[in-house]
N, C-alpha and C. Protein backbone atom coordinates (compact mmCIF):
# COMPACT_ATOMS: atom_id res chain seq x y z
N MET A 1 53.64 -64.74 -4.76
CA MET A 1 53.37 -63.40 -4.35
C MET A 1 52.67 -63.45 -3.00
N MET A 2 53.13 -62.59 -2.19
CA MET A 2 52.64 -62.61 -0.83
C MET A 2 51.72 -61.40 -0.60
N LEU A 3 50.60 -61.65 -0.03
CA LEU A 3 49.68 -60.56 0.27
C LEU A 3 50.02 -59.95 1.62
N ARG A 4 50.04 -58.67 1.59
CA ARG A 4 50.31 -57.98 2.85
C ARG A 4 49.02 -57.86 3.65
N LYS A 5 49.20 -57.90 4.91
CA LYS A 5 48.05 -57.76 5.79
C LYS A 5 47.76 -56.25 5.93
N SER A 6 46.54 -55.85 5.73
CA SER A 6 46.15 -54.44 5.81
C SER A 6 46.24 -53.97 7.25
N LYS A 7 46.76 -52.77 7.37
CA LYS A 7 46.85 -52.17 8.68
C LYS A 7 45.49 -51.61 9.13
N ILE A 8 44.61 -51.39 8.16
CA ILE A 8 43.30 -50.85 8.49
C ILE A 8 42.44 -52.01 8.96
N GLN A 9 41.92 -51.83 10.12
CA GLN A 9 41.05 -52.87 10.66
C GLN A 9 39.61 -52.45 10.45
N ASN A 10 38.78 -53.37 10.69
CA ASN A 10 37.35 -53.11 10.54
C ASN A 10 36.94 -51.99 11.51
N PRO A 11 36.45 -50.84 10.99
CA PRO A 11 36.12 -49.74 11.87
C PRO A 11 35.00 -50.08 12.85
N LYS A 12 34.14 -50.98 12.53
CA LYS A 12 33.03 -51.33 13.40
C LYS A 12 33.51 -52.05 14.65
N SER A 13 34.62 -52.69 14.55
CA SER A 13 35.08 -53.48 15.68
C SER A 13 35.60 -52.61 16.82
N LYS A 14 35.99 -51.36 16.56
CA LYS A 14 36.58 -50.50 17.58
C LYS A 14 35.57 -49.59 18.26
N ILE A 15 34.33 -49.48 17.74
CA ILE A 15 33.36 -48.54 18.29
C ILE A 15 32.79 -49.11 19.57
N ASN A 16 32.81 -48.26 20.55
CA ASN A 16 32.27 -48.60 21.84
C ASN A 16 30.76 -48.37 21.79
N PRO A 17 29.93 -49.25 22.27
CA PRO A 17 28.48 -49.04 22.22
C PRO A 17 28.03 -47.77 22.93
N LYS A 18 28.73 -47.35 23.97
CA LYS A 18 28.37 -46.12 24.68
C LYS A 18 28.63 -44.91 23.79
N SER A 19 29.77 -44.89 23.09
CA SER A 19 30.08 -43.74 22.23
C SER A 19 29.11 -43.66 21.06
N LYS A 20 28.65 -44.80 20.56
CA LYS A 20 27.67 -44.84 19.48
C LYS A 20 26.37 -44.17 19.94
N CYS A 21 25.97 -44.43 21.13
CA CYS A 21 24.76 -43.85 21.69
C CYS A 21 24.96 -42.34 21.91
N GLN A 22 26.16 -41.93 22.32
CA GLN A 22 26.42 -40.51 22.54
C GLN A 22 26.39 -39.75 21.23
N ILE A 23 26.89 -40.31 20.17
CA ILE A 23 26.89 -39.63 18.87
C ILE A 23 25.44 -39.47 18.42
N SER A 24 24.62 -40.43 18.55
CA SER A 24 23.25 -40.32 18.08
C SER A 24 22.48 -39.32 18.96
N LYS A 25 22.80 -39.22 20.26
CA LYS A 25 22.17 -38.22 21.12
C LYS A 25 22.58 -36.82 20.67
N GLN A 26 23.83 -36.64 20.32
CA GLN A 26 24.31 -35.34 19.86
C GLN A 26 23.63 -34.96 18.56
N LYS A 27 23.53 -35.91 17.65
CA LYS A 27 22.85 -35.63 16.37
C LYS A 27 21.39 -35.30 16.60
N PHE A 28 20.77 -36.04 17.51
CA PHE A 28 19.35 -35.80 17.82
C PHE A 28 19.17 -34.39 18.41
N CYS A 29 20.03 -34.01 19.35
CA CYS A 29 19.93 -32.67 19.96
C CYS A 29 20.17 -31.58 18.91
N HIS A 30 21.15 -31.80 18.04
CA HIS A 30 21.43 -30.84 16.99
C HIS A 30 20.23 -30.72 16.04
N LEU A 31 19.65 -31.82 15.66
CA LEU A 31 18.49 -31.83 14.79
C LEU A 31 17.32 -31.11 15.45
N CYS A 32 17.08 -31.37 16.72
CA CYS A 32 16.00 -30.69 17.44
C CYS A 32 16.25 -29.18 17.49
N PHE A 33 17.48 -28.78 17.73
CA PHE A 33 17.82 -27.37 17.76
C PHE A 33 17.54 -26.71 16.41
N VAL A 34 17.95 -27.34 15.33
CA VAL A 34 17.75 -26.79 13.98
C VAL A 34 16.27 -26.68 13.67
N ILE A 35 15.49 -27.70 14.02
CA ILE A 35 14.05 -27.66 13.75
C ILE A 35 13.40 -26.54 14.55
N CYS A 36 13.74 -26.42 15.82
CA CYS A 36 13.17 -25.36 16.65
C CYS A 36 13.56 -23.98 16.12
N TYR A 37 14.80 -23.83 15.70
CA TYR A 37 15.28 -22.56 15.16
C TYR A 37 14.46 -22.16 13.93
N TYR A 38 14.30 -23.08 12.98
CA TYR A 38 13.53 -22.78 11.77
C TYR A 38 12.06 -22.53 12.09
N PHE A 39 11.52 -23.24 13.05
CA PHE A 39 10.13 -23.03 13.44
C PHE A 39 9.94 -21.61 14.00
N VAL A 40 10.85 -21.19 14.87
CA VAL A 40 10.76 -19.85 15.45
C VAL A 40 10.90 -18.79 14.37
N ILE A 41 11.86 -18.96 13.46
CA ILE A 41 12.05 -17.99 12.37
C ILE A 41 10.78 -17.91 11.50
N CYS A 42 10.21 -19.05 11.14
CA CYS A 42 9.00 -19.06 10.31
C CYS A 42 7.83 -18.42 11.05
N ALA A 43 7.69 -18.71 12.34
CA ALA A 43 6.59 -18.14 13.11
C ALA A 43 6.73 -16.63 13.21
N LEU A 44 7.94 -16.13 13.48
CA LEU A 44 8.16 -14.69 13.56
C LEU A 44 7.90 -14.01 12.21
N SER A 45 8.34 -14.65 11.14
CA SER A 45 8.11 -14.11 9.81
C SER A 45 6.61 -14.01 9.52
N PHE A 46 5.86 -15.04 9.89
CA PHE A 46 4.42 -15.05 9.66
C PHE A 46 3.75 -13.94 10.47
N VAL A 47 4.13 -13.79 11.74
CA VAL A 47 3.53 -12.77 12.60
C VAL A 47 3.82 -11.38 12.06
N ILE A 48 5.07 -11.14 11.65
CA ILE A 48 5.43 -9.82 11.12
C ILE A 48 4.67 -9.53 9.84
N ASN A 49 4.62 -10.49 8.92
CA ASN A 49 3.85 -10.29 7.68
C ASN A 49 2.39 -10.11 7.95
N PHE A 50 1.84 -10.83 8.92
CA PHE A 50 0.43 -10.71 9.28
C PHE A 50 0.14 -9.31 9.79
N LYS A 51 1.02 -8.79 10.67
CA LYS A 51 0.82 -7.46 11.21
C LYS A 51 0.91 -6.41 10.11
N ILE A 52 1.85 -6.55 9.18
CA ILE A 52 2.00 -5.56 8.10
C ILE A 52 0.80 -5.65 7.16
N SER A 53 0.35 -6.87 6.83
CA SER A 53 -0.72 -7.03 5.87
C SER A 53 -2.06 -6.53 6.42
N PHE A 54 -2.31 -6.73 7.72
CA PHE A 54 -3.59 -6.40 8.28
C PHE A 54 -3.48 -5.33 9.36
N ALA A 55 -2.57 -4.41 9.15
CA ALA A 55 -2.37 -3.34 10.12
C ALA A 55 -3.56 -2.39 10.08
N GLN A 56 -3.80 -1.74 11.19
CA GLN A 56 -4.86 -0.75 11.28
C GLN A 56 -4.49 0.46 10.44
N SER A 57 -5.41 0.92 9.61
CA SER A 57 -5.15 2.10 8.79
C SER A 57 -5.08 3.34 9.67
N ILE A 58 -4.20 4.24 9.29
CA ILE A 58 -4.04 5.50 10.00
C ILE A 58 -4.64 6.60 9.14
N SER A 59 -5.41 7.48 9.74
CA SER A 59 -6.05 8.56 8.98
C SER A 59 -5.02 9.62 8.60
N SER A 60 -5.38 10.41 7.60
CA SER A 60 -4.48 11.48 7.16
C SER A 60 -4.33 12.53 8.27
N THR A 61 -5.38 12.79 9.02
CA THR A 61 -5.30 13.74 10.12
C THR A 61 -4.31 13.27 11.17
N GLU A 62 -4.36 11.98 11.49
CA GLU A 62 -3.43 11.39 12.47
C GLU A 62 -2.00 11.50 11.95
N LEU A 63 -1.78 11.21 10.67
CA LEU A 63 -0.44 11.30 10.09
C LEU A 63 0.08 12.73 10.10
N ILE A 64 -0.76 13.68 9.74
CA ILE A 64 -0.32 15.07 9.66
C ILE A 64 -0.08 15.65 11.06
N ASN A 65 -1.00 15.38 11.99
CA ASN A 65 -0.85 15.94 13.34
C ASN A 65 0.30 15.31 14.13
N ASN A 66 0.63 14.04 13.85
CA ASN A 66 1.71 13.35 14.57
C ASN A 66 2.82 12.94 13.61
N ALA A 67 3.17 13.85 12.72
CA ALA A 67 4.16 13.55 11.67
C ALA A 67 5.52 13.18 12.24
N ARG A 68 5.93 13.82 13.33
CA ARG A 68 7.24 13.49 13.93
C ARG A 68 7.26 12.05 14.45
N PHE A 69 6.16 11.61 15.02
CA PHE A 69 6.08 10.25 15.57
C PHE A 69 6.17 9.20 14.46
N TYR A 70 5.44 9.43 13.36
CA TYR A 70 5.38 8.43 12.29
C TYR A 70 6.52 8.55 11.28
N ASP A 71 7.33 9.57 11.38
CA ASP A 71 8.40 9.81 10.41
C ASP A 71 9.35 8.61 10.32
N GLY A 72 9.50 8.06 9.12
CA GLY A 72 10.40 6.93 8.87
C GLY A 72 9.82 5.58 9.23
N LYS A 73 8.57 5.53 9.70
CA LYS A 73 7.96 4.26 10.11
C LYS A 73 7.06 3.72 9.00
N VAL A 74 6.86 2.41 9.03
CA VAL A 74 5.96 1.75 8.09
C VAL A 74 4.54 1.95 8.60
N VAL A 75 3.69 2.54 7.75
CA VAL A 75 2.30 2.80 8.12
C VAL A 75 1.38 2.25 7.03
N THR A 76 0.11 2.10 7.40
CA THR A 76 -0.92 1.69 6.45
C THR A 76 -1.95 2.81 6.36
N TYR A 77 -2.25 3.21 5.15
CA TYR A 77 -3.15 4.33 4.89
C TYR A 77 -4.09 3.92 3.77
N GLU A 78 -5.34 4.32 3.87
CA GLU A 78 -6.27 3.98 2.80
C GLU A 78 -7.14 5.17 2.44
N GLY A 79 -7.58 5.17 1.18
CA GLY A 79 -8.43 6.25 0.71
C GLY A 79 -8.71 6.12 -0.78
N GLU A 80 -9.37 7.13 -1.32
CA GLU A 80 -9.74 7.17 -2.74
C GLU A 80 -8.63 7.83 -3.54
N VAL A 81 -8.27 7.22 -4.65
CA VAL A 81 -7.30 7.79 -5.57
C VAL A 81 -7.99 8.96 -6.28
N ILE A 82 -7.38 10.15 -6.19
CA ILE A 82 -7.97 11.33 -6.82
C ILE A 82 -6.96 11.98 -7.77
N GLY A 83 -7.47 12.74 -8.69
CA GLY A 83 -6.59 13.45 -9.63
C GLY A 83 -6.02 12.51 -10.67
N ASP A 84 -4.85 12.85 -11.19
CA ASP A 84 -4.21 12.05 -12.23
C ASP A 84 -3.09 11.21 -11.65
N ILE A 85 -2.74 10.15 -12.36
CA ILE A 85 -1.55 9.37 -12.04
C ILE A 85 -0.41 10.03 -12.82
N MET A 86 0.54 10.59 -12.09
CA MET A 86 1.60 11.37 -12.72
C MET A 86 2.89 10.56 -12.78
N GLY A 87 3.23 10.05 -13.97
CA GLY A 87 4.42 9.23 -14.14
C GLY A 87 5.71 10.05 -14.05
N ARG A 88 6.69 9.48 -13.37
CA ARG A 88 8.03 10.09 -13.23
C ARG A 88 9.06 9.00 -13.43
N GLY A 89 9.36 8.65 -14.68
CA GLY A 89 10.31 7.58 -14.97
C GLY A 89 9.72 6.24 -14.59
N GLU A 90 10.42 5.51 -13.72
CA GLU A 90 9.93 4.19 -13.28
C GLU A 90 8.95 4.29 -12.12
N TYR A 91 8.71 5.50 -11.63
CA TYR A 91 7.80 5.71 -10.49
C TYR A 91 6.66 6.63 -10.92
N ALA A 92 5.70 6.80 -10.01
CA ALA A 92 4.58 7.68 -10.28
C ALA A 92 4.10 8.28 -8.97
N TRP A 93 3.46 9.45 -9.08
CA TRP A 93 2.79 10.08 -7.96
C TRP A 93 1.30 9.84 -8.08
N ILE A 94 0.66 9.50 -6.98
CA ILE A 94 -0.79 9.48 -6.91
C ILE A 94 -1.19 10.20 -5.63
N ASN A 95 -2.38 10.77 -5.64
CA ASN A 95 -2.92 11.41 -4.45
C ASN A 95 -4.06 10.56 -3.94
N VAL A 96 -4.04 10.30 -2.62
CA VAL A 96 -5.06 9.46 -2.00
C VAL A 96 -5.73 10.26 -0.90
N ASN A 97 -7.06 10.37 -1.00
CA ASN A 97 -7.86 11.14 -0.06
C ASN A 97 -8.72 10.21 0.76
N ASP A 98 -8.60 10.31 2.08
CA ASP A 98 -9.41 9.44 2.96
C ASP A 98 -10.69 10.12 3.42
N GLY A 99 -11.04 11.26 2.85
CA GLY A 99 -12.24 11.98 3.23
C GLY A 99 -11.94 13.17 4.10
N GLN A 100 -10.71 13.24 4.65
CA GLN A 100 -10.31 14.36 5.49
C GLN A 100 -9.24 15.20 4.78
N SER A 101 -8.21 14.54 4.32
CA SER A 101 -7.12 15.21 3.57
C SER A 101 -6.53 14.23 2.57
N ALA A 102 -5.74 14.75 1.66
CA ALA A 102 -5.07 13.90 0.67
C ALA A 102 -3.58 13.85 0.99
N ILE A 103 -2.98 12.70 0.73
CA ILE A 103 -1.54 12.52 0.92
C ILE A 103 -0.96 12.01 -0.39
N GLY A 104 0.20 12.56 -0.76
CA GLY A 104 0.90 12.14 -1.96
C GLY A 104 1.59 10.80 -1.73
N ILE A 105 1.44 9.90 -2.69
CA ILE A 105 2.02 8.56 -2.59
C ILE A 105 3.04 8.40 -3.72
N TRP A 106 4.27 8.03 -3.39
CA TRP A 106 5.33 7.75 -4.35
C TRP A 106 5.33 6.23 -4.53
N ILE A 107 5.09 5.78 -5.76
CA ILE A 107 4.85 4.37 -6.00
C ILE A 107 5.52 3.93 -7.29
N GLU A 108 5.91 2.66 -7.35
CA GLU A 108 6.47 2.12 -8.58
C GLU A 108 5.37 2.11 -9.66
N LYS A 109 5.73 2.51 -10.87
CA LYS A 109 4.75 2.64 -11.94
C LYS A 109 3.96 1.36 -12.24
N PRO A 110 4.59 0.17 -12.25
CA PRO A 110 3.79 -1.04 -12.52
C PRO A 110 2.67 -1.30 -11.50
N LYS A 111 2.84 -0.81 -10.27
CA LYS A 111 1.81 -1.03 -9.26
C LYS A 111 0.58 -0.15 -9.49
N THR A 112 0.70 0.86 -10.36
CA THR A 112 -0.45 1.72 -10.65
C THR A 112 -1.35 1.13 -11.74
N LEU A 113 -0.93 0.05 -12.36
CA LEU A 113 -1.73 -0.52 -13.47
C LEU A 113 -3.07 -1.05 -13.00
N ASP A 114 -3.18 -1.40 -11.69
CA ASP A 114 -4.45 -1.89 -11.16
C ASP A 114 -5.45 -0.76 -10.92
N ILE A 115 -4.99 0.47 -10.90
CA ILE A 115 -5.87 1.61 -10.65
C ILE A 115 -6.58 1.97 -11.96
N LEU A 116 -7.88 1.75 -12.01
CA LEU A 116 -8.64 2.00 -13.22
C LEU A 116 -9.34 3.37 -13.19
N TYR A 117 -9.81 3.79 -12.00
CA TYR A 117 -10.53 5.05 -11.89
C TYR A 117 -9.85 5.96 -10.89
N THR A 118 -9.75 7.23 -11.25
CA THR A 118 -9.27 8.23 -10.31
C THR A 118 -10.39 9.23 -10.10
N GLY A 119 -10.52 9.71 -8.87
CA GLY A 119 -11.62 10.60 -8.53
C GLY A 119 -11.54 11.93 -9.26
N SER A 120 -12.66 12.32 -9.83
CA SER A 120 -12.77 13.61 -10.51
C SER A 120 -14.26 13.96 -10.54
N TYR A 121 -14.60 14.98 -11.30
CA TYR A 121 -15.99 15.39 -11.40
C TYR A 121 -16.85 14.28 -12.02
N ARG A 122 -16.26 13.53 -12.95
CA ARG A 122 -17.04 12.52 -13.66
C ARG A 122 -16.87 11.08 -13.15
N SER A 123 -16.00 10.88 -12.16
CA SER A 123 -15.80 9.49 -11.69
C SER A 123 -15.46 9.46 -10.21
N LYS A 124 -15.77 8.33 -9.61
CA LYS A 124 -15.41 8.01 -8.23
C LYS A 124 -14.17 7.14 -8.33
N GLY A 125 -13.09 7.51 -7.63
CA GLY A 125 -11.82 6.79 -7.74
C GLY A 125 -11.80 5.47 -7.00
N ASP A 126 -10.84 4.61 -7.38
CA ASP A 126 -10.65 3.34 -6.69
C ASP A 126 -10.25 3.62 -5.24
N TRP A 127 -10.75 2.80 -4.31
CA TRP A 127 -10.39 2.90 -2.90
C TRP A 127 -9.28 1.90 -2.66
N ILE A 128 -8.10 2.37 -2.24
CA ILE A 128 -6.94 1.49 -2.09
C ILE A 128 -6.36 1.58 -0.69
N GLU A 129 -5.59 0.56 -0.34
CA GLU A 129 -4.84 0.54 0.92
C GLU A 129 -3.37 0.49 0.57
N ILE A 130 -2.60 1.39 1.17
CA ILE A 130 -1.17 1.50 0.90
C ILE A 130 -0.41 1.23 2.17
N THR A 131 0.60 0.36 2.09
CA THR A 131 1.54 0.15 3.20
C THR A 131 2.89 0.64 2.71
N GLY A 132 3.48 1.53 3.48
CA GLY A 132 4.77 2.08 3.06
C GLY A 132 5.41 2.92 4.14
N ILE A 133 6.51 3.55 3.79
CA ILE A 133 7.27 4.35 4.74
C ILE A 133 6.81 5.80 4.66
N PHE A 134 6.37 6.34 5.79
CA PHE A 134 5.90 7.71 5.88
C PHE A 134 7.10 8.65 6.03
N GLN A 135 7.10 9.71 5.25
CA GLN A 135 8.17 10.71 5.31
C GLN A 135 7.56 12.06 5.68
N ARG A 136 7.97 12.60 6.83
CA ARG A 136 7.46 13.90 7.26
C ARG A 136 7.98 15.02 6.37
N ALA A 137 9.25 14.97 6.02
CA ALA A 137 9.88 15.96 5.13
C ALA A 137 10.87 15.18 4.26
N CYS A 138 10.35 14.62 3.18
CA CYS A 138 11.15 13.72 2.33
C CYS A 138 12.27 14.50 1.65
N PRO A 139 13.53 14.12 1.90
CA PRO A 139 14.65 14.83 1.27
C PRO A 139 14.71 14.59 -0.25
N ALA A 140 14.19 13.46 -0.71
CA ALA A 140 14.23 13.16 -2.13
C ALA A 140 13.18 13.94 -2.93
N HIS A 141 12.17 14.47 -2.24
CA HIS A 141 11.06 15.13 -2.94
C HIS A 141 10.84 16.55 -2.41
N GLY A 142 11.92 17.27 -2.18
CA GLY A 142 11.83 18.69 -1.85
C GLY A 142 11.28 18.98 -0.46
N GLY A 143 11.35 18.03 0.45
CA GLY A 143 10.88 18.28 1.81
C GLY A 143 9.40 18.15 2.00
N ASP A 144 8.72 17.54 1.03
CA ASP A 144 7.27 17.36 1.14
C ASP A 144 6.91 16.18 2.03
N LEU A 145 5.73 16.22 2.60
CA LEU A 145 5.17 15.10 3.36
C LEU A 145 4.64 14.10 2.36
N ASP A 146 5.11 12.85 2.40
CA ASP A 146 4.64 11.84 1.47
C ASP A 146 4.76 10.44 2.06
N LEU A 147 4.31 9.48 1.29
CA LEU A 147 4.35 8.08 1.69
C LEU A 147 4.97 7.30 0.55
N HIS A 148 6.06 6.57 0.82
CA HIS A 148 6.71 5.75 -0.20
C HIS A 148 6.12 4.35 -0.11
N ALA A 149 5.28 4.02 -1.10
CA ALA A 149 4.51 2.78 -1.06
C ALA A 149 5.38 1.56 -1.27
N GLN A 150 5.14 0.54 -0.44
CA GLN A 150 5.79 -0.77 -0.60
C GLN A 150 4.78 -1.79 -1.12
N LYS A 151 3.57 -1.72 -0.57
CA LYS A 151 2.49 -2.61 -1.00
C LYS A 151 1.24 -1.80 -1.25
N ILE A 152 0.47 -2.24 -2.23
CA ILE A 152 -0.79 -1.58 -2.54
C ILE A 152 -1.84 -2.66 -2.73
N ARG A 153 -3.05 -2.38 -2.24
CA ARG A 153 -4.14 -3.35 -2.36
C ARG A 153 -5.42 -2.58 -2.66
N LYS A 154 -6.13 -3.00 -3.72
CA LYS A 154 -7.39 -2.34 -4.07
C LYS A 154 -8.49 -2.92 -3.19
N ILE A 155 -9.21 -2.05 -2.49
CA ILE A 155 -10.31 -2.50 -1.64
C ILE A 155 -11.62 -2.46 -2.41
N ARG A 156 -11.89 -1.35 -3.11
CA ARG A 156 -13.10 -1.21 -3.91
C ARG A 156 -12.75 -0.56 -5.24
N SER A 157 -13.42 -0.99 -6.28
CA SER A 157 -13.23 -0.37 -7.59
C SER A 157 -14.04 0.92 -7.66
N GLY A 158 -13.52 1.85 -8.41
CA GLY A 158 -14.24 3.10 -8.65
C GLY A 158 -15.29 2.90 -9.72
N ARG A 159 -15.92 4.00 -10.12
CA ARG A 159 -16.97 3.93 -11.13
C ARG A 159 -17.18 5.29 -11.76
N MET A 160 -17.80 5.30 -12.91
CA MET A 160 -18.16 6.54 -13.55
C MET A 160 -19.39 7.13 -12.84
N VAL A 161 -19.43 8.43 -12.73
CA VAL A 161 -20.57 9.11 -12.10
C VAL A 161 -21.35 9.83 -13.18
N ILE A 162 -22.63 9.52 -13.28
CA ILE A 162 -23.48 10.17 -14.28
C ILE A 162 -24.27 11.25 -13.57
N GLU A 163 -24.01 12.48 -13.94
CA GLU A 163 -24.72 13.62 -13.36
C GLU A 163 -26.03 13.82 -14.09
N ARG A 164 -27.11 13.82 -13.37
CA ARG A 164 -28.42 14.05 -13.96
C ARG A 164 -28.75 15.54 -13.83
N CYS A 165 -29.41 16.03 -14.83
CA CYS A 165 -29.79 17.43 -14.85
C CYS A 165 -30.94 17.63 -13.84
N ASN A 166 -30.81 18.65 -13.01
CA ASN A 166 -31.86 18.98 -12.05
C ASN A 166 -32.92 19.79 -12.78
N LEU A 167 -34.08 19.20 -12.97
CA LEU A 167 -35.13 19.83 -13.76
C LEU A 167 -35.65 21.12 -13.13
N THR A 168 -35.71 21.18 -11.81
CA THR A 168 -36.18 22.39 -11.14
C THR A 168 -35.25 23.56 -11.42
N LYS A 169 -33.93 23.31 -11.33
CA LYS A 169 -32.96 24.37 -11.60
C LYS A 169 -33.02 24.78 -13.07
N ARG A 170 -33.16 23.81 -13.97
CA ARG A 170 -33.23 24.13 -15.40
C ARG A 170 -34.45 25.00 -15.69
N ASN A 171 -35.61 24.64 -15.13
CA ASN A 171 -36.84 25.40 -15.38
C ASN A 171 -36.75 26.81 -14.80
N LEU A 172 -36.14 26.94 -13.60
CA LEU A 172 -35.98 28.23 -12.99
C LEU A 172 -35.06 29.11 -13.82
N ALA A 173 -33.99 28.52 -14.37
CA ALA A 173 -33.06 29.28 -15.21
C ALA A 173 -33.76 29.76 -16.48
N LEU A 174 -34.63 28.95 -17.07
CA LEU A 174 -35.36 29.36 -18.28
C LEU A 174 -36.34 30.48 -17.98
N VAL A 175 -37.03 30.39 -16.82
CA VAL A 175 -37.97 31.45 -16.45
C VAL A 175 -37.22 32.77 -16.24
N LEU A 176 -36.05 32.70 -15.50
CA LEU A 176 -35.27 33.92 -15.27
C LEU A 176 -34.72 34.49 -16.57
N LEU A 177 -34.34 33.64 -17.52
CA LEU A 177 -33.86 34.10 -18.83
C LEU A 177 -35.00 34.81 -19.58
N GLY A 178 -36.20 34.25 -19.49
CA GLY A 178 -37.36 34.90 -20.14
C GLY A 178 -37.65 36.25 -19.53
N VAL A 179 -37.58 36.34 -18.18
CA VAL A 179 -37.82 37.62 -17.50
C VAL A 179 -36.75 38.62 -17.90
N LEU A 180 -35.49 38.20 -17.97
CA LEU A 180 -34.39 39.09 -18.36
C LEU A 180 -34.60 39.60 -19.79
N CYS A 181 -35.01 38.74 -20.69
CA CYS A 181 -35.26 39.15 -22.08
C CYS A 181 -36.43 40.16 -22.13
N LEU A 182 -37.47 39.93 -21.36
CA LEU A 182 -38.63 40.82 -21.33
C LEU A 182 -38.23 42.19 -20.79
N VAL A 183 -37.42 42.22 -19.71
CA VAL A 183 -36.94 43.50 -19.15
C VAL A 183 -36.08 44.23 -20.17
N TRP A 184 -35.23 43.53 -20.88
CA TRP A 184 -34.36 44.16 -21.88
C TRP A 184 -35.19 44.75 -23.02
N ILE A 185 -36.19 44.00 -23.49
CA ILE A 185 -37.05 44.50 -24.57
C ILE A 185 -37.82 45.73 -24.12
N LEU A 186 -38.37 45.71 -22.91
CA LEU A 186 -39.11 46.86 -22.39
C LEU A 186 -38.22 48.09 -22.24
N LYS A 187 -36.96 47.87 -21.83
CA LYS A 187 -36.03 48.97 -21.69
C LYS A 187 -35.68 49.56 -23.06
N GLN A 188 -35.56 48.74 -24.07
CA GLN A 188 -35.27 49.22 -25.41
C GLN A 188 -36.44 50.02 -25.97
N LEU A 189 -37.67 49.57 -25.70
CA LEU A 189 -38.84 50.28 -26.20
C LEU A 189 -39.04 51.62 -25.47
N LYS A 190 -38.73 51.64 -24.18
CA LYS A 190 -38.88 52.86 -23.38
C LYS A 190 -37.86 53.92 -23.80
N GLY A 191 -36.70 53.47 -24.23
CA GLY A 191 -35.64 54.41 -24.64
C GLY A 191 -35.98 55.10 -25.95
N LYS A 192 -36.82 54.58 -26.80
CA LYS A 192 -37.15 55.18 -28.10
C LYS A 192 -38.27 56.11 -27.94
């Protein structure tokens, strides 16, 4: 039996040393390009997230007075949660007051679980920061001005407020009640 000679020769024997160097330079340039590309993408992503996370809060007065400018833009707003958390299916409405005005916030219901206190006569509400899309006249909510929350962060927890009775007012009320009763009794006696 006769062995045939293979037509395939050793591939290493045909490579020119110059072409080998050119291939490695091309791979090196390609690798550098890919690394730089990913570095730039990661850096931009970090900067954008940093700006969104630590953006300057905008007051309710600023939002209301310049509603056309902020319409459809991502804004950061902070204030005290007041009133009730009103569930609407998978979403909820909350009202947030920054001390000047209150703005309605449309938020996913699970994000409201961190809110323990809402402002009322008996409690001070949680102070939160909301980042979301501002709507000057939201078509989904009857043309109302609102903020569609994307991120929420609790800054301070609320607390129960214990109202103490003002003793001076209580004593004055008792004295006036006594005077009123005395006047009524005297009027009844005078009429007979």
